Amino acid sequence: MRRGSDENTHRRICRKVHLAMDVNTGQVCVVLMTHQGVGDIQVPAALLGQISPDASIDIVGREGAYDTKTCHAAIAARAPRPSIPPREGAALCRQRMSGAAWRNEAITAIASSGRKNWKEASG
């Protein structure tokens, strides 16, 4: 059957697997599977919430899509250093926002030395 035909009533369902891992050992600490209705920005809080409060978290690395207030607040609650590239054309944010200092430092560093250098320096 070709796609789009009347006989083909099956819908494709997207599921995403999100991981939290120890970069030193390569061990996967937390696995979270979500369905297509769960936005990626909701995931960091859920992943960090499943990691033991006694566990040391040094850095949280994500892609630029996670440069949101929700993600920064979730990361700041556990106090690790985020490594999230700000979006293109990002502006400095108010210091009242959780994680604002880290984000503003990244924006300033990218403006002065470039995105590639920031990525190498930030881990």
C-alpha atoms as a PDB file:
ATOM      1  CA  MET A   1       0.000   0.000   0.000  1.00  0.00           C
ATOM      2  CA  ARG A   2       1.168   3.467  -0.650  1.00  0.00           C
ATOM      3  CA  ARG A   3       0.997   6.143   1.977  1.00  0.00           C
ATOM      4  CA  GLY A   4      -2.072   8.292   2.000  1.00  0.00           C
ATOM      5  CA  SER A   5      -4.397   5.708   0.530  1.00  0.00           C
ATOM      6  CA  ASP A   6      -7.814   5.249   2.092  1.00  0.00           C
ATOM      7  CA  GLU A   7      -6.987   1.686   3.104  1.00  0.00           C
ATOM      8  CA  ASN A   8      -3.968   2.780   5.126  1.00  0.00           C
ATOM      9  CA  THR A   9      -5.432   3.997   8.409  1.00  0.00           C
ATOM     10  CA  HIS A  10      -2.374   3.355  10.588  1.00  0.00           C
ATOM     11  CA  ARG A  11      -0.840   6.467  12.063  1.00  0.00           C
ATOM     12  CA  ARG A  12       2.824   6.754  12.746  1.00  0.00           C
ATOM     13  CA  ILE A  13       3.566   7.503  16.351  1.00  0.00           C
ATOM     14  CA  CYS A  14       6.746   9.203  17.398  1.00  0.00           C
ATOM     15  CA  ARG A  15       8.407   8.222  20.653  1.00  0.00           C
ATOM     16  CA  LYS A  16      11.554   9.856  21.946  1.00  0.00           C
ATOM     17  CA  VAL A  17      14.181   8.454  24.268  1.00  0.00           C
ATOM     18  CA  HIS A  18      15.994  10.935  26.512  1.00  0.00           C
ATOM     19  CA  LEU A  19      19.126   9.977  28.423  1.00  0.00           C
ATOM     20  CA  ALA A  20      21.101  11.313  31.350  1.00  0.00           C
ATOM     21  CA  MET A  21      24.566   9.855  31.447  1.00  0.00           C
ATOM     22  CA  ASP A  22      27.828  10.122  33.299  1.00  0.00           C
ATOM     23  CA  VAL A  23      30.315  11.434  30.747  1.00  0.00           C
ATOM     24  CA  ASN A  24      33.275  10.108  32.738  1.00  0.00           C
ATOM     25  CA  THR A  25      32.128   6.481  32.818  1.00  0.00           C
ATOM     26  CA  GLY A  26      29.659   6.417  29.916  1.00  0.00           C
ATOM     27  CA  GLN A  27      27.065   4.905  32.251  1.00  0.00           C
ATOM     28  CA  VAL A  28      23.447   5.788  31.522  1.00  0.00           C
ATOM     29  CA  CYS A  29      21.928   7.078  34.772  1.00  0.00           C
ATOM     30  CA  VAL A  30      18.356   7.830  33.711  1.00  0.00           C
ATOM     31  CA  VAL A  31      16.268   6.868  30.678  1.00  0.00           C
ATOM     32  CA  LEU A  32      13.008   8.620  29.932  1.00  0.00           C
ATOM     33  CA  MET A  33      10.728   7.715  27.036  1.00  0.00           C
ATOM     34  CA  THR A  34       8.150  10.260  25.935  1.00  0.00           C
ATOM     35  CA  HIS A  35       5.457  10.328  23.288  1.00  0.00           C
ATOM     36  CA  GLN A  36       4.939  12.929  20.610  1.00  0.00           C
ATOM     37  CA  GLY A  37       2.719  15.100  22.809  1.00  0.00           C
ATOM     38  CA  VAL A  38       5.489  15.841  25.321  1.00  0.00           C
ATOM     39  CA  GLY A  39       7.616  18.836  24.456  1.00  0.00           C
ATOM     40  CA  ASP A  40      11.367  18.548  24.783  1.00  0.00           C
ATOM     41  CA  ILE A  41      11.520  21.502  27.164  1.00  0.00           C
ATOM     42  CA  GLN A  42       9.575  19.492  29.750  1.00  0.00           C
ATOM     43  CA  VAL A  43      12.191  16.734  29.819  1.00  0.00           C
ATOM     44  CA  PRO A  44      15.163  18.282  31.701  1.00  0.00           C
ATOM     45  CA  ALA A  45      13.145  18.736  34.900  1.00  0.00           C
ATOM     46  CA  ALA A  46      11.942  15.121  34.721  1.00  0.00           C
ATOM     47  CA  LEU A  47      15.440  13.753  34.048  1.00  0.00           C
ATOM     48  CA  LEU A  48      17.086  15.807  36.790  1.00  0.00           C
ATOM     49  CA  GLY A  49      14.306  14.867  39.194  1.00  0.00           C
ATOM     50  CA  GLN A  50      15.138  11.169  38.795  1.00  0.00           C
ATOM     51  CA  ILE A  51      18.813  11.621  39.634  1.00  0.00           C
ATOM     52  CA  SER A  52      19.617  11.089  43.298  1.00  0.00           C
ATOM     53  CA  PRO A  53      19.928  14.355  45.256  1.00  0.00           C
ATOM     54  CA  ASP A  54      23.256  13.045  46.572  1.00  0.00           C
ATOM     55  CA  ALA A  55      24.662  12.635  43.059  1.00  0.00           C
ATOM     56  CA  SER A  56      27.066  15.298  41.886  1.00  0.00           C
ATOM     57  CA  ILE A  57      26.125  16.974  38.606  1.00  0.00           C
ATOM     58  CA  ASP A  58      28.862  19.116  37.085  1.00  0.00           C
ATOM     59  CA  ILE A  59      27.400  20.115  33.739  1.00  0.00           C
ATOM     60  CA  VAL A  60      24.156  19.714  31.818  1.00  0.00           C
ATOM     61  CA  GLY A  61      24.680  19.741  28.064  1.00  0.00           C
ATOM     62  CA  ARG A  62      21.744  20.286  25.725  1.00  0.00           C
ATOM     63  CA  GLU A  63      21.187  21.656  22.245  1.00  0.00           C
ATOM     64  CA  GLY A  64      20.001  25.170  21.419  1.00  0.00           C
ATOM     65  CA  ALA A  65      16.323  24.211  21.388  1.00  0.00           C
ATOM     66  CA  TYR A  66      16.561  23.923  25.183  1.00  0.00           C
ATOM     67  CA  ASP A  67      17.475  27.606  25.591  1.00  0.00           C
ATOM     68  CA  THR A  68      14.220  28.385  27.415  1.00  0.00           C
ATOM     69  CA  LYS A  69      13.255  29.783  30.809  1.00  0.00           C
ATOM     70  CA  THR A  70      11.754  26.412  31.774  1.00  0.00           C
ATOM     71  CA  CYS A  71      14.964  24.502  31.055  1.00  0.00           C
ATOM     72  CA  HIS A  72      17.219  27.060  32.721  1.00  0.00           C
ATOM     73  CA  ALA A  73      15.018  27.041  35.836  1.00  0.00           C
ATOM     74  CA  ALA A  74      15.115  23.222  36.043  1.00  0.00           C
ATOM     75  CA  ILE A  75      18.891  23.177  35.668  1.00  0.00           C
ATOM     76  CA  ALA A  76      19.434  26.019  38.164  1.00  0.00           C
ATOM     77  CA  ALA A  77      17.367  24.118  40.753  1.00  0.00           C
ATOM     78  CA  ARG A  78      20.022  21.356  40.792  1.00  0.00           C
ATOM     79  CA  ALA A  79      22.885  23.880  40.518  1.00  0.00           C
ATOM     80  CA  PRO A  80      24.957  22.306  37.756  1.00  0.00           C
ATOM     81  CA  ARG A  81      26.537  24.435  35.083  1.00  0.00           C
ATOM     82  CA  PRO A  82      24.520  24.353  31.858  1.00  0.00           C
ATOM     83  CA  SER A  83      26.098  24.061  28.441  1.00  0.00           C
ATOM     84  CA  ILE A  84      23.210  25.194  26.267  1.00  0.00           C
ATOM     85  CA  PRO A  85      24.057  27.317  23.247  1.00  0.00           C
ATOM     86  CA  PRO A  86      21.871  30.422  23.127  1.00  0.00           C
ATOM     87  CA  ARG A  87      19.758  30.797  20.031  1.00  0.00           C
ATOM     88  CA  GLU A  88      21.010  32.904  17.145  1.00  0.00           C
ATOM     89  CA  GLY A  89      20.422  36.578  17.898  1.00  0.00           C
ATOM     90  CA  ALA A  90      19.772  35.914  21.605  1.00  0.00           C
ATOM     91  CA  ALA A  91      19.636  38.986  23.823  1.00  0.00           C
ATOM     92  CA  LEU A  92      20.857  39.284  27.390  1.00  0.00           C
ATOM     93  CA  CYS A  93      18.138  38.473  29.902  1.00  0.00           C
ATOM     94  CA  ARG A  94      17.224  39.939  33.274  1.00  0.00           C
ATOM     95  CA  GLN A  95      19.191  38.625  36.220  1.00  0.00           C
ATOM     96  CA  ARG A  96      15.977  37.661  38.053  1.00  0.00           C
ATOM     97  CA  MET A  97      15.480  34.649  35.777  1.00  0.00           C
ATOM     98  CA  SER A  98      16.932  31.343  37.020  1.00  0.00           C
ATOM     99  CA  GLY A  99      20.097  30.600  35.095  1.00  0.00           C
ATOM    100  CA  ALA A 100      20.307  34.122  33.652  1.00  0.00           C
ATOM    101  CA  ALA A 101      23.944  34.608  34.657  1.00  0.00           C
ATOM    102  CA  TRP A 102      25.073  31.456  32.801  1.00  0.00           C
ATOM    103  CA  ARG A 103      23.057  32.354  29.722  1.00  0.00           C
ATOM    104  CA  ASN A 104      24.340  35.948  29.676  1.00  0.00           C
ATOM    105  CA  GLU A 105      27.939  34.709  30.022  1.00  0.00           C
ATOM    106  CA  ALA A 106      27.416  32.407  27.032  1.00  0.00           C
ATOM    107  CA  ILE A 107      25.912  35.199  24.917  1.00  0.00           C
ATOM    108  CA  THR A 108      28.800  37.529  25.786  1.00  0.00           C
ATOM    109  CA  ALA A 109      31.435  34.852  25.095  1.00  0.00           C
ATOM    110  CA  ILE A 110      29.880  33.951  21.746  1.00  0.00           C
ATOM    111  CA  ALA A 111      29.716  37.615  20.747  1.00  0.00           C
ATOM    112  CA  SER A 112      33.393  38.140  21.586  1.00  0.00           C
ATOM    113  CA  SER A 113      35.052  34.904  20.450  1.00  0.00           C
ATOM    114  CA  GLY A 114      32.512  33.043  18.313  1.00  0.00           C
ATOM    115  CA  ARG A 115      30.205  30.071  18.785  1.00  0.00           C
ATOM    116  CA  LYS A 116      32.823  27.446  17.912  1.00  0.00           C
ATOM    117  CA  ASN A 117      35.257  28.714  20.570  1.00  0.00           C
ATOM    118  CA  TRP A 118      32.450  28.901  23.144  1.00  0.00           C
ATOM    119  CA  LYS A 119      31.458  25.278  22.450  1.00  0.00           C
ATOM    120  CA  GLU A 120      35.030  24.083  22.924  1.00  0.00           C
ATOM    121  CA  ALA A 121      35.464  26.071  26.152  1.00  0.00           C
ATOM    122  CA  SER A 122      32.095  25.164  27.680  1.00  0.00           C
ATOM    123  CA  GLY A 123      32.419  21.414  27.371  1.00  0.00           C
END
